[in-house]
Amino acid sequence: MAKTGTASLTIAEMREFASFTAAEQRYIRRSLDIGLGRRDAFKLWARDAGENAAIRSQYVAYQDLKALRASIPAGTARDGIEGFIGKLVRVAAFDLAQERIESFSAFRFLYERLLGAEARPWLPSAFCAASALPQIEPGRRKVLLQSLSEAAATAPGWSDRAPSFYPEYIAREVA
């Protein structure tokens, strides 16, 4: 029975990932390669000099991920909130400024995997803060903020179940 439940949740995660735009899917896979140190993102993802520079910037922006994973505030504790949420908003602002993440769902999907399930309660506030920064163009800011549902913004609790589906690079076969 436990395997069936786990399989169902994995399939749900796969369906959610499939609902994202092609650009979001590509950015999430690339971001996981960079943020989790899975592969050399330059070799895998850089198609031109512009993407090479973007990947380099992303490696720099993601340097805080290890510290963020280690400093997620527990429950409703107030200790450490400033350092955690400040760094999280800075990294989130970088990702949103790349204009590849179009919604809170895609943002949450990515950050649950980059930081772990313990970060879930903090993701709506970090998303709102990063989306509202002046670096984000006003029209895009509106779209991003409207993508956060009332249910996600006001959730009384969050699952502590770790994500099970981590999308990876898939090479195209040349026929």
C-alpha atoms as a PDB file:
ATOM      1  CA  MET A   1       0.000   0.000   0.000  1.00  0.00           C
ATOM      2  CA  ALA A   2       2.814   2.444   0.822  1.00  0.00           C
ATOM      3  CA  LYS A   3       4.383   1.848  -2.600  1.00  0.00           C
ATOM      4  CA  THR A   4       1.076   2.641  -4.283  1.00  0.00           C
ATOM      5  CA  GLY A   5       0.810   5.932  -2.389  1.00  0.00           C
ATOM      6  CA  THR A   6       4.378   6.875  -3.234  1.00  0.00           C
ATOM      7  CA  ALA A   7       3.872   5.975  -6.887  1.00  0.00           C
ATOM      8  CA  SER A   8       0.685   8.072  -7.012  1.00  0.00           C
ATOM      9  CA  LEU A   9       2.484  11.071  -5.541  1.00  0.00           C
ATOM     10  CA  THR A  10       5.371  10.677  -7.985  1.00  0.00           C
ATOM     11  CA  ILE A  11       2.929  10.529 -10.886  1.00  0.00           C
ATOM     12  CA  ALA A  12       1.195  13.661  -9.571  1.00  0.00           C
ATOM     13  CA  GLU A  13       4.572  15.431  -9.463  1.00  0.00           C
ATOM     14  CA  MET A  14       5.302  14.297 -13.033  1.00  0.00           C
ATOM     15  CA  ARG A  15       1.912  15.596 -14.185  1.00  0.00           C
ATOM     16  CA  GLU A  16       2.531  18.915 -12.494  1.00  0.00           C
ATOM     17  CA  PHE A  17       5.913  19.218 -14.197  1.00  0.00           C
ATOM     18  CA  ALA A  18       4.307  18.352 -17.549  1.00  0.00           C
ATOM     19  CA  SER A  19       1.836  21.225 -17.052  1.00  0.00           C
ATOM     20  CA  PHE A  20       4.637  23.806 -17.084  1.00  0.00           C
ATOM     21  CA  THR A  21       5.698  25.558 -20.276  1.00  0.00           C
ATOM     22  CA  ALA A  22       8.662  24.155 -22.217  1.00  0.00           C
ATOM     23  CA  ALA A  23      10.769  27.126 -21.075  1.00  0.00           C
ATOM     24  CA  GLU A  24       9.855  26.485 -17.429  1.00  0.00           C
ATOM     25  CA  GLN A  25      10.658  22.787 -17.749  1.00  0.00           C
ATOM     26  CA  ARG A  26      14.047  23.517 -19.327  1.00  0.00           C
ATOM     27  CA  TYR A  27      14.881  26.145 -16.694  1.00  0.00           C
ATOM     28  CA  ILE A  28      13.847  23.863 -13.812  1.00  0.00           C
ATOM     29  CA  ARG A  29      15.994  20.983 -15.104  1.00  0.00           C
ATOM     30  CA  ARG A  30      18.965  23.290 -15.660  1.00  0.00           C
ATOM     31  CA  SER A  31      18.485  24.887 -12.233  1.00  0.00           C
ATOM     32  CA  LEU A  32      18.410  21.501 -10.528  1.00  0.00           C
ATOM     33  CA  ASP A  33      21.638  20.512 -12.304  1.00  0.00           C
ATOM     34  CA  ILE A  34      23.273  23.716 -11.038  1.00  0.00           C
ATOM     35  CA  GLY A  35      21.694  23.889  -7.578  1.00  0.00           C
ATOM     36  CA  LEU A  36      22.139  20.218  -6.722  1.00  0.00           C
ATOM     37  CA  GLY A  37      25.510  19.826  -8.451  1.00  0.00           C
ATOM     38  CA  ARG A  38      24.178  17.003 -10.612  1.00  0.00           C
ATOM     39  CA  ARG A  39      26.016  17.764 -13.857  1.00  0.00           C
ATOM     40  CA  ASP A  40      28.179  20.311 -15.653  1.00  0.00           C
ATOM     41  CA  ALA A  41      25.511  22.782 -16.739  1.00  0.00           C
ATOM     42  CA  PHE A  42      27.841  24.513 -19.187  1.00  0.00           C
ATOM     43  CA  LYS A  43      28.290  21.351 -21.247  1.00  0.00           C
ATOM     44  CA  LEU A  44      24.661  20.327 -21.031  1.00  0.00           C
ATOM     45  CA  TRP A  45      22.678  23.541 -21.296  1.00  0.00           C
ATOM     46  CA  ALA A  46      24.732  26.311 -22.942  1.00  0.00           C
ATOM     47  CA  ARG A  47      23.694  26.700 -26.573  1.00  0.00           C
ATOM     48  CA  ASP A  48      25.428  30.036 -27.085  1.00  0.00           C
ATOM     49  CA  ALA A  49      27.532  32.689 -25.337  1.00  0.00           C
ATOM     50  CA  GLY A  50      24.446  34.311 -23.796  1.00  0.00           C
ATOM     51  CA  GLU A  51      23.357  31.091 -22.108  1.00  0.00           C
ATOM     52  CA  ASN A  52      26.936  30.464 -21.022  1.00  0.00           C
ATOM     53  CA  ALA A  53      26.911  33.838 -19.221  1.00  0.00           C
ATOM     54  CA  ALA A  54      23.457  33.150 -17.721  1.00  0.00           C
ATOM     55  CA  ILE A  55      24.630  29.793 -16.367  1.00  0.00           C
ATOM     56  CA  ARG A  56      27.727  31.409 -14.865  1.00  0.00           C
ATOM     57  CA  SER A  57      25.491  33.995 -13.134  1.00  0.00           C
ATOM     58  CA  GLN A  58      23.210  31.248 -11.883  1.00  0.00           C
ATOM     59  CA  TYR A  59      26.123  29.337 -10.351  1.00  0.00           C
ATOM     60  CA  VAL A  60      27.061  32.535  -8.472  1.00  0.00           C
ATOM     61  CA  ALA A  61      23.463  33.226  -7.377  1.00  0.00           C
ATOM     62  CA  TYR A  62      23.040  29.642  -6.165  1.00  0.00           C
ATOM     63  CA  GLN A  63      26.090  29.756  -3.873  1.00  0.00           C
ATOM     64  CA  ASP A  64      23.708  30.540  -1.002  1.00  0.00           C
ATOM     65  CA  LEU A  65      21.659  27.355  -1.442  1.00  0.00           C
ATOM     66  CA  LYS A  66      23.770  25.233   0.899  1.00  0.00           C
ATOM     67  CA  ALA A  67      23.514  27.864   3.646  1.00  0.00           C
ATOM     68  CA  LEU A  68      19.779  28.214   3.022  1.00  0.00           C
ATOM     69  CA  ARG A  69      19.227  24.446   3.374  1.00  0.00           C
ATOM     70  CA  ALA A  70      21.033  24.534   6.717  1.00  0.00           C
ATOM     71  CA  SER A  71      19.196  27.581   8.074  1.00  0.00           C
ATOM     72  CA  ILE A  72      15.505  26.907   7.380  1.00  0.00           C
ATOM     73  CA  PRO A  73      13.688  28.213  10.468  1.00  0.00           C
ATOM     74  CA  ALA A  74      11.788  25.542  12.370  1.00  0.00           C
ATOM     75  CA  GLY A  75       8.017  25.975  12.582  1.00  0.00           C
ATOM     76  CA  THR A  76       6.989  29.389  13.814  1.00  0.00           C
ATOM     77  CA  ALA A  77      10.344  30.218  15.395  1.00  0.00           C
ATOM     78  CA  ARG A  78      11.417  33.807  14.870  1.00  0.00           C
ATOM     79  CA  ASP A  79      15.117  33.136  15.247  1.00  0.00           C
ATOM     80  CA  GLY A  80      17.012  33.233  11.985  1.00  0.00           C
ATOM     81  CA  ILE A  81      14.149  34.525   9.855  1.00  0.00           C
ATOM     82  CA  GLU A  82      16.006  37.626   8.649  1.00  0.00           C
ATOM     83  CA  GLY A  83      19.045  35.780   7.374  1.00  0.00           C
ATOM     84  CA  PHE A  84      17.023  32.994   5.813  1.00  0.00           C
ATOM     85  CA  ILE A  85      14.273  34.961   4.102  1.00  0.00           C
ATOM     86  CA  GLY A  86      16.670  37.692   2.935  1.00  0.00           C
ATOM     87  CA  LYS A  87      18.922  35.179   1.172  1.00  0.00           C
ATOM     88  CA  LEU A  88      15.945  33.228  -0.160  1.00  0.00           C
ATOM     89  CA  VAL A  89      14.371  36.381  -1.652  1.00  0.00           C
ATOM     90  CA  ARG A  90      17.697  37.310  -3.273  1.00  0.00           C
ATOM     91  CA  VAL A  91      18.038  33.890  -4.946  1.00  0.00           C
ATOM     92  CA  ALA A  92      14.336  33.848  -5.894  1.00  0.00           C
ATOM     93  CA  ALA A  93      14.626  37.333  -7.403  1.00  0.00           C
ATOM     94  CA  PHE A  94      17.486  36.081  -9.563  1.00  0.00           C
ATOM     95  CA  ASP A  95      15.366  33.189 -10.853  1.00  0.00           C
ATOM     96  CA  LEU A  96      12.285  35.330 -11.492  1.00  0.00           C
ATOM     97  CA  ALA A  97      14.361  37.995 -13.265  1.00  0.00           C
ATOM     98  CA  GLN A  98      15.478  35.334 -15.775  1.00  0.00           C
ATOM     99  CA  GLU A  99      11.859  35.382 -17.052  1.00  0.00           C
ATOM    100  CA  ARG A 100      11.632  31.601 -17.373  1.00  0.00           C
ATOM    101  CA  ILE A 101       9.478  30.927 -14.300  1.00  0.00           C
ATOM    102  CA  GLU A 102       5.923  32.046 -15.092  1.00  0.00           C
ATOM    103  CA  SER A 103       3.992  31.024 -11.984  1.00  0.00           C
ATOM    104  CA  PHE A 104       4.114  30.234  -8.304  1.00  0.00           C
ATOM    105  CA  SER A 105       3.549  26.543  -9.122  1.00  0.00           C
ATOM    106  CA  ALA A 106       6.742  26.325 -11.167  1.00  0.00           C
ATOM    107  CA  PHE A 107       8.635  28.355  -8.530  1.00  0.00           C
ATOM    108  CA  ARG A 108       7.406  26.086  -5.714  1.00  0.00           C
ATOM    109  CA  PHE A 109       8.214  22.954  -7.720  1.00  0.00           C
ATOM    110  CA  LEU A 110      11.796  24.156  -8.255  1.00  0.00           C
ATOM    111  CA  TYR A 111      12.440  25.385  -4.722  1.00  0.00           C
ATOM    112  CA  GLU A 112      10.966  22.318  -3.013  1.00  0.00           C
ATOM    113  CA  ARG A 113      13.692  20.379  -4.805  1.00  0.00           C
ATOM    114  CA  LEU A 114      16.485  22.912  -4.329  1.00  0.00           C
ATOM    115  CA  LEU A 115      15.851  23.393  -0.591  1.00  0.00           C
ATOM    116  CA  GLY A 116      13.726  20.446   0.547  1.00  0.00           C
ATOM    117  CA  ALA A 117      10.230  20.014   1.929  1.00  0.00           C
ATOM    118  CA  GLU A 118      11.070  21.987   5.081  1.00  0.00           C
ATOM    119  CA  ALA A 119      11.185  25.177   2.992  1.00  0.00           C
ATOM    120  CA  ARG A 120       7.537  24.902   1.817  1.00  0.00           C
ATOM    121  CA  PRO A 121       6.032  27.248   4.438  1.00  0.00           C
ATOM    122  CA  TRP A 122       8.469  29.979   3.412  1.00  0.00           C
ATOM    123  CA  LEU A 123       7.983  29.785  -0.352  1.00  0.00           C
ATOM    124  CA  PRO A 124       4.812  31.915  -0.729  1.00  0.00           C
ATOM    125  CA  SER A 125       6.320  34.854   1.152  1.00  0.00           C
ATOM    126  CA  ALA A 126       9.654  34.600  -0.685  1.00  0.00           C
ATOM    127  CA  PHE A 127       7.819  34.412  -4.025  1.00  0.00           C
ATOM    128  CA  CYS A 128       5.690  37.473  -3.205  1.00  0.00           C
ATOM    129  CA  ALA A 129       8.670  39.472  -2.000  1.00  0.00           C
ATOM    130  CA  ALA A 130      10.833  38.587  -5.016  1.00  0.00           C
ATOM    131  CA  SER A 131       7.954  39.157  -7.470  1.00  0.00           C
ATOM    132  CA  ALA A 132       7.288  42.615  -6.040  1.00  0.00           C
ATOM    133  CA  LEU A 133      10.888  43.848  -6.343  1.00  0.00           C
ATOM    134  CA  PRO A 134      11.610  46.681  -8.775  1.00  0.00           C
ATOM    135  CA  GLN A 135      13.889  44.395 -10.841  1.00  0.00           C
ATOM    136  CA  ILE A 136      10.740  42.674 -12.094  1.00  0.00           C
ATOM    137  CA  GLU A 137       8.923  44.567 -14.861  1.00  0.00           C
ATOM    138  CA  PRO A 138       5.481  45.789 -13.636  1.00  0.00           C
ATOM    139  CA  GLY A 139       3.406  43.736 -16.117  1.00  0.00           C
ATOM    140  CA  ARG A 140       5.348  40.598 -15.252  1.00  0.00           C
ATOM    141  CA  ARG A 141       5.077  41.426 -11.560  1.00  0.00           C
ATOM    142  CA  LYS A 142       1.289  41.433 -11.892  1.00  0.00           C
ATOM    143  CA  VAL A 143       1.223  38.050 -13.688  1.00  0.00           C
ATOM    144  CA  LEU A 144       3.539  36.456 -11.129  1.00  0.00           C
ATOM    145  CA  LEU A 145       1.638  37.754  -8.106  1.00  0.00           C
ATOM    146  CA  GLN A 146      -1.733  36.724  -9.594  1.00  0.00           C
ATOM    147  CA  SER A 147      -0.405  33.178 -10.075  1.00  0.00           C
ATOM    148  CA  LEU A 148      -0.250  32.677  -6.303  1.00  0.00           C
ATOM    149  CA  SER A 149      -3.616  31.220  -5.337  1.00  0.00           C
ATOM    150  CA  GLU A 150      -5.391  32.247  -2.174  1.00  0.00           C
ATOM    151  CA  ALA A 151      -5.154  28.627  -1.005  1.00  0.00           C
ATOM    152  CA  ALA A 152      -1.370  28.610  -1.379  1.00  0.00           C
ATOM    153  CA  ALA A 153      -1.004  32.019   0.262  1.00  0.00           C
ATOM    154  CA  THR A 154      -3.163  31.131   3.265  1.00  0.00           C
ATOM    155  CA  ALA A 155      -2.437  27.426   3.726  1.00  0.00           C
ATOM    156  CA  PRO A 156      -2.825  26.416   7.374  1.00  0.00           C
ATOM    157  CA  GLY A 157      -0.121  23.754   7.015  1.00  0.00           C
ATOM    158  CA  TRP A 158       2.303  22.157   4.604  1.00  0.00           C
ATOM    159  CA  SER A 159       3.319  18.621   3.857  1.00  0.00           C
ATOM    160  CA  ASP A 160       6.733  17.561   5.085  1.00  0.00           C
ATOM    161  CA  ARG A 161       6.956  14.791   2.471  1.00  0.00           C
ATOM    162  CA  ALA A 162      10.084  15.128   0.381  1.00  0.00           C
ATOM    163  CA  PRO A 163       9.652  15.497  -3.384  1.00  0.00           C
ATOM    164  CA  SER A 164      10.223  12.227  -5.231  1.00  0.00           C
ATOM    165  CA  PHE A 165      10.420  13.356  -8.867  1.00  0.00           C
ATOM    166  CA  TYR A 166      13.506  15.290  -9.931  1.00  0.00           C
ATOM    167  CA  PRO A 167      13.341  15.990 -13.684  1.00  0.00           C
ATOM    168  CA  GLU A 168      16.584  15.532 -15.588  1.00  0.00           C
ATOM    169  CA  TYR A 169      18.106  16.432 -18.921  1.00  0.00           C
ATOM    170  CA  ILE A 170      16.936  14.247 -21.764  1.00  0.00           C
ATOM    171  CA  ALA A 171      19.126  14.166 -24.849  1.00  0.00           C
ATOM    172  CA  ARG A 172      17.359  14.289 -28.165  1.00  0.00           C
ATOM    173  CA  GLU A 173      17.931  11.359 -30.421  1.00  0.00           C
ATOM    174  CA  VAL A 174      19.128  12.296 -33.871  1.00  0.00           C
ATOM    175  CA  ALA A 175      17.629  10.012 -36.488  1.00  0.00           C
END
